[in-house]
Amino acid sequence: MTDTALPTLDEAGRLRDAVRSQGPLVQNITNYVAMTLSANVLLAAGASPAMVHAEEEVADFVKIASALVVNIGTLSPSWVSAMVIAAEAAGEGGKPWVLDPVGCGATPYRTETARRLASLKPAVIRGNASEIIALAGASGAAPKGVDSAVSSQAAVGPGRALAQATGAVIAITGEVDFVVDATRTAAIEGGDELMPLSTGVGCALSGLVGAYAAVTPDPFAAAVAALAVYGAAGSIAARGSGGPGDIPARLCNALHRMDGEDLRANATIRPA
């Protein structure tokens, strides 16, 4: 496809409105650190969050959910089992699901888990540059625990390879965000340098991607729109804040209040 096929900020705004009007139920299997902020971000955006991770009920909950988000931040064998069960149920039920491969590349267990889940056909994989490079099996990931040690631009090539291998849309977040699939690449600018200094902000974004994936059949458009809206909210949240501790509350407020003018003034989408 040509660059003109990229979603626009106006389209992102329409998906924002669709989330608000439809209130999709987003099932999250996410880490302990990010649960509260992820739920609050989804509520502020107009979605309905559910933190459901017990093996005994995840498949049943997928049946009633609009989308599933799987975040591997805090792993244990029972959680991995639940993640696999839920992802398989989403595939069987035709429900979009998002994989957040937190810390992929940091340990063999974490990397193997992320790759196993990536083979189960997520609609979107959202991670930082090191996570995407490691998941793609490329060299140069060099993760710093769960943080990236390389730029998001460095992961665009590996991200495209990962998209071709898995069929997923790949969302790479960093100073500039990139969304890639087999044929398209979009760069999204927005956000603020304070955002990575507040824990759980990236994980909560994956939840928002899930909400957007629930209201459109195009996961590329969902990822671009969610990143643009979140980046705009982050820019708004940072202005006048006293530091990173203010970001979670101000981010939720910005998501809740955001209108089209706010979005156009605080984010850009361009070809890359």
Protein backbone atom coordinates (compact mmCIF):
# COMPACT_ATOMS: atom_id res chain seq x y z
CA MET A 1 0.00 0.00 0.00
CA THR A 2 1.06 3.59 -0.45
CA ASP A 3 1.71 6.08 2.31
CA THR A 4 -1.69 7.66 1.58
CA ALA A 5 -3.23 4.53 3.09
CA LEU A 6 -1.96 5.51 6.53
CA PRO A 7 -4.61 6.43 9.11
CA THR A 8 -5.02 10.13 9.79
CA LEU A 9 -5.55 12.02 13.02
CA ASP A 10 -9.18 12.51 12.04
CA GLU A 11 -9.55 8.73 11.73
CA ALA A 12 -7.82 8.32 15.09
CA GLY A 13 -10.39 10.69 16.53
CA ARG A 14 -13.22 8.63 15.08
CA LEU A 15 -11.85 5.50 16.72
CA ARG A 16 -11.48 7.40 19.99
CA ASP A 17 -15.15 8.28 19.73
CA ALA A 18 -16.06 4.68 18.86
CA VAL A 19 -14.36 3.45 22.03
CA ARG A 20 -16.30 6.02 24.05
CA SER A 21 -19.62 5.13 22.48
CA GLN A 22 -19.20 1.34 22.41
CA GLY A 23 -17.37 0.87 25.73
CA PRO A 24 -15.57 -2.34 24.72
CA LEU A 25 -14.86 -4.87 27.47
CA VAL A 26 -11.09 -5.44 27.49
CA GLN A 27 -9.76 -8.49 29.30
CA ASN A 28 -6.26 -7.93 30.66
CA ILE A 29 -3.80 -10.57 31.78
CA THR A 30 -1.21 -8.07 32.91
CA ASN A 31 1.43 -7.57 35.55
CA TYR A 32 0.90 -6.59 39.17
CA VAL A 33 2.73 -3.28 38.74
CA ALA A 34 0.52 -2.06 35.89
CA MET A 35 -2.93 -3.35 36.81
CA THR A 36 -4.32 -0.20 38.43
CA LEU A 37 -3.03 2.25 35.84
CA SER A 38 -4.08 -0.03 32.97
CA ALA A 39 -7.60 -0.20 34.35
CA ASN A 40 -7.75 3.54 34.95
CA VAL A 41 -6.48 4.36 31.46
CA LEU A 42 -9.13 2.13 29.91
CA LEU A 43 -11.86 3.68 32.03
CA ALA A 44 -10.69 7.20 31.18
CA ALA A 45 -10.72 6.31 27.47
CA GLY A 46 -14.28 5.01 27.70
CA ALA A 47 -13.61 1.27 27.73
CA SER A 48 -14.43 -1.32 30.39
CA PRO A 49 -11.42 -3.13 31.91
CA ALA A 50 -11.35 -6.59 33.49
CA MET A 51 -8.22 -8.04 35.09
CA VAL A 52 -8.90 -11.77 34.69
CA HIS A 53 -5.98 -14.21 34.78
CA ALA A 54 -7.05 -17.43 36.56
CA GLU A 55 -6.56 -20.51 34.38
CA GLU A 56 -10.01 -21.72 35.43
CA GLU A 57 -11.88 -18.77 33.89
CA VAL A 58 -9.78 -17.02 31.27
CA ALA A 59 -11.25 -18.91 28.31
CA ASP A 60 -14.81 -18.33 29.51
CA PHE A 61 -14.12 -14.63 29.98
CA VAL A 62 -12.66 -14.29 26.48
CA LYS A 63 -16.06 -15.35 25.16
CA ILE A 64 -17.70 -12.25 26.63
CA ALA A 65 -14.79 -9.84 26.15
CA SER A 66 -14.41 -7.54 23.16
CA ALA A 67 -10.61 -7.89 23.14
CA LEU A 68 -7.79 -9.50 25.10
CA VAL A 69 -4.46 -8.01 26.22
CA VAL A 70 -1.62 -10.29 27.35
CA ASN A 71 1.30 -8.64 29.17
CA ILE A 72 4.16 -10.87 30.36
CA GLY A 73 5.61 -8.43 32.90
CA THR A 74 5.29 -10.69 35.97
CA LEU A 75 5.60 -14.30 34.89
CA SER A 76 4.93 -17.58 36.64
CA PRO A 77 4.05 -21.00 35.21
CA SER A 78 0.35 -20.69 36.06
CA TRP A 79 0.16 -17.24 34.49
CA VAL A 80 1.89 -18.47 31.32
CA SER A 81 -0.61 -21.32 31.11
CA ALA A 82 -3.48 -18.85 31.51
CA MET A 83 -2.00 -16.60 28.82
CA VAL A 84 -1.78 -19.46 26.35
CA ILE A 85 -5.32 -20.65 27.13
CA ALA A 86 -6.71 -17.13 26.71
CA ALA A 87 -4.81 -16.45 23.48
CA GLU A 88 -5.99 -19.72 21.99
CA ALA A 89 -9.57 -18.94 23.02
CA ALA A 90 -9.31 -15.50 21.43
CA GLY A 91 -8.11 -17.06 18.20
CA GLU A 92 -10.90 -19.60 18.21
CA GLY A 93 -13.49 -16.92 18.96
CA GLY A 94 -12.23 -14.40 16.43
CA LYS A 95 -11.44 -11.86 19.15
CA PRO A 96 -8.55 -9.43 18.61
CA TRP A 97 -5.75 -9.74 21.12
CA VAL A 98 -2.63 -7.73 21.91
CA LEU A 99 0.70 -9.11 23.10
CA ASP A 100 3.02 -6.97 25.24
CA PRO A 101 6.31 -8.94 25.42
CA VAL A 102 7.70 -7.12 28.48
CA GLY A 103 11.42 -7.75 28.95
CA CYS A 104 11.71 -10.12 26.00
CA GLY A 105 15.42 -10.80 25.56
CA ALA A 106 16.25 -10.32 29.25
CA THR A 107 16.03 -14.03 30.18
CA PRO A 108 15.54 -17.26 28.20
CA TYR A 109 12.25 -18.02 30.02
CA ARG A 110 10.82 -14.62 29.20
CA THR A 111 11.95 -14.79 25.57
CA GLU A 112 10.62 -18.32 25.07
CA THR A 113 7.27 -17.31 26.58
CA ALA A 114 6.99 -14.26 24.35
CA ARG A 115 7.81 -16.29 21.24
CA ARG A 116 5.31 -19.00 22.16
CA LEU A 117 2.58 -16.38 22.55
CA ALA A 118 3.59 -14.57 19.36
CA SER A 119 3.00 -17.83 17.47
CA LEU A 120 -0.67 -17.75 18.55
CA LYS A 121 -1.61 -14.97 16.10
CA PRO A 122 -1.97 -11.75 18.09
CA ALA A 123 -3.54 -8.89 16.16
CA VAL A 124 -0.95 -6.46 17.53
CA ILE A 125 2.39 -6.86 19.30
CA ARG A 126 3.29 -3.70 21.27
CA GLY A 127 6.74 -3.33 22.80
CA ASN A 128 9.83 -1.18 23.09
CA ALA A 129 12.67 -1.48 20.58
CA SER A 130 14.73 -4.02 22.51
CA GLU A 131 11.69 -6.25 23.07
CA ILE A 132 10.72 -6.20 19.40
CA ILE A 133 14.28 -6.85 18.21
CA ALA A 134 14.65 -9.77 20.63
CA LEU A 135 11.26 -11.22 19.71
CA ALA A 136 12.19 -11.02 16.04
CA GLY A 137 15.38 -12.96 16.76
CA ALA A 138 17.56 -10.16 15.43
CA SER A 139 20.86 -9.04 16.93
CA GLY A 140 21.39 -5.80 18.81
CA ALA A 141 18.50 -5.96 21.28
CA ALA A 142 20.63 -5.25 24.38
CA PRO A 143 17.69 -4.86 26.80
CA LYS A 144 18.25 -3.12 30.12
CA GLY A 145 15.96 -5.36 32.16
CA VAL A 146 12.50 -4.39 30.92
CA ASP A 147 13.73 -1.11 29.40
CA SER A 148 15.08 -0.55 25.91
CA ALA A 149 18.71 0.34 25.30
CA VAL A 150 18.24 1.15 21.60
CA SER A 151 16.11 3.61 19.65
CA SER A 152 12.69 2.76 18.28
CA GLN A 153 13.98 3.49 14.76
CA ALA A 154 16.44 0.60 15.14
CA ALA A 155 13.55 -1.84 15.56
CA VAL A 156 11.65 -0.92 12.39
CA GLY A 157 13.43 -3.48 10.19
CA PRO A 158 13.16 -6.31 12.74
CA GLY A 159 9.58 -5.23 13.38
CA ARG A 160 8.69 -5.66 9.73
CA ALA A 161 10.29 -9.10 9.72
CA LEU A 162 8.30 -9.98 12.84
CA ALA A 163 5.10 -8.73 11.19
CA GLN A 164 5.77 -10.93 8.17
CA ALA A 165 6.53 -13.95 10.36
CA THR A 166 3.55 -13.63 12.71
CA GLY A 167 0.93 -11.76 10.69
CA ALA A 168 0.66 -9.25 13.54
CA VAL A 169 0.86 -5.48 13.40
CA ILE A 170 3.95 -4.36 15.29
CA ALA A 171 3.82 -1.22 17.44
CA ILE A 172 7.25 -0.01 18.57
CA THR A 173 7.22 2.67 21.24
CA GLY A 174 9.97 5.10 22.13
CA GLU A 175 10.87 8.75 21.61
CA VAL A 176 9.12 8.34 18.25
CA ASP A 177 6.59 5.51 17.93
CA PHE A 178 6.41 3.31 14.83
CA VAL A 179 3.66 0.98 13.64
CA VAL A 180 4.55 -1.51 10.92
CA ASP A 181 2.91 -4.35 9.07
CA ALA A 182 3.97 -6.22 5.95
CA THR A 183 3.56 -3.17 3.70
CA ARG A 184 3.07 0.02 5.76
CA THR A 185 5.09 2.03 8.25
CA ALA A 186 3.72 4.94 10.23
CA ALA A 187 5.62 7.19 12.62
CA ILE A 188 3.67 8.74 15.48
CA GLU A 189 5.06 11.70 17.39
CA GLY A 190 3.76 12.94 20.71
CA GLY A 191 4.22 12.09 24.35
CA ASP A 192 6.86 13.43 26.70
CA GLU A 193 10.15 12.32 28.22
CA LEU A 194 8.48 12.10 31.63
CA MET A 195 6.28 9.19 30.54
CA PRO A 196 8.94 6.44 30.77
CA LEU A 197 9.78 7.64 34.29
CA SER A 198 6.36 6.58 35.62
CA THR A 199 5.94 2.82 35.95
CA GLY A 200 3.18 1.07 34.07
CA VAL A 201 2.62 3.82 31.49
CA GLY A 202 3.78 1.63 28.58
CA CYS A 203 1.83 -1.38 29.81
CA ALA A 204 -1.32 0.72 30.07
CA LEU A 205 -0.84 1.72 26.44
CA SER A 206 -1.10 -1.92 25.42
CA GLY A 207 -4.48 -2.03 27.14
CA LEU A 208 -5.59 1.01 25.14
CA VAL A 209 -4.46 -0.67 21.91
CA GLY A 210 -6.72 -3.57 22.85
CA ALA A 211 -9.69 -1.21 23.26
CA TYR A 212 -9.08 0.33 19.85
CA ALA A 213 -8.63 -3.09 18.24
CA ALA A 214 -12.09 -3.97 19.55
CA VAL A 215 -13.80 -1.22 17.52
CA THR A 216 -12.19 -1.66 14.09
CA PRO A 217 -11.37 -4.69 11.92
CA ASP A 218 -8.04 -3.03 10.96
CA PRO A 219 -5.42 -3.64 13.67
CA PHE A 220 -2.98 -1.29 11.94
CA ALA A 221 -5.45 1.57 12.22
CA ALA A 222 -6.18 0.57 15.83
CA ALA A 223 -2.52 0.66 16.81
CA VAL A 224 -1.80 3.97 15.06
CA ALA A 225 -4.88 5.62 16.57
CA ALA A 226 -4.19 4.36 20.09
CA LEU A 227 -0.56 5.51 19.97
CA ALA A 228 -1.55 8.92 18.61
CA VAL A 229 -4.25 9.48 21.23
CA TYR A 230 -1.98 8.26 24.02
CA GLY A 231 0.92 10.39 22.81
CA ALA A 232 -1.30 13.46 22.71
CA ALA A 233 -2.57 12.71 26.21
CA GLY A 234 1.00 12.29 27.43
CA SER A 235 2.00 15.66 26.00
CA ILE A 236 -0.95 17.32 27.69
CA ALA A 237 -0.28 15.51 30.96
CA ALA A 238 3.34 16.62 31.11
CA ARG A 239 2.64 20.31 30.66
CA GLY A 240 2.62 21.98 34.03
CA SER A 241 3.28 18.74 35.91
CA GLY A 242 5.62 18.71 38.87
CA GLY A 243 7.41 15.57 37.69
CA PRO A 244 6.84 11.92 36.76
CA GLY A 245 4.70 11.21 39.80
CA ASP A 246 1.97 13.43 38.38
CA ILE A 247 1.82 11.66 35.03
CA PRO A 248 -0.60 8.76 35.75
CA ALA A 249 -3.43 10.94 37.04
CA ARG A 250 -2.89 13.72 34.52
CA LEU A 251 -2.69 11.16 31.69
CA CYS A 252 -6.07 9.70 32.63
CA ASN A 253 -7.56 13.19 32.87
CA ALA A 254 -6.24 14.07 29.43
CA LEU A 255 -7.64 10.89 27.89
CA HIS A 256 -11.02 11.55 29.48
CA ARG A 257 -11.21 15.16 28.28
CA MET A 258 -9.53 14.89 24.89
CA ASP A 259 -11.27 16.35 21.87
CA GLY A 260 -10.24 16.61 18.24
CA GLU A 261 -8.42 19.89 18.73
CA ASP A 262 -6.34 18.41 21.56
CA LEU A 263 -5.42 15.44 19.38
CA ARG A 264 -4.41 17.52 16.36
CA ALA A 265 -2.36 19.93 18.49
CA ASN A 266 -0.39 17.28 20.38
CA ALA A 267 0.30 14.36 18.02
CA THR A 268 1.33 13.72 14.43
CA ILE A 269 1.10 10.71 12.14
CA ARG A 270 3.47 10.58 9.17
CA PRO A 271 4.99 8.07 6.74
CA ALA A 272 8.30 6.54 7.79
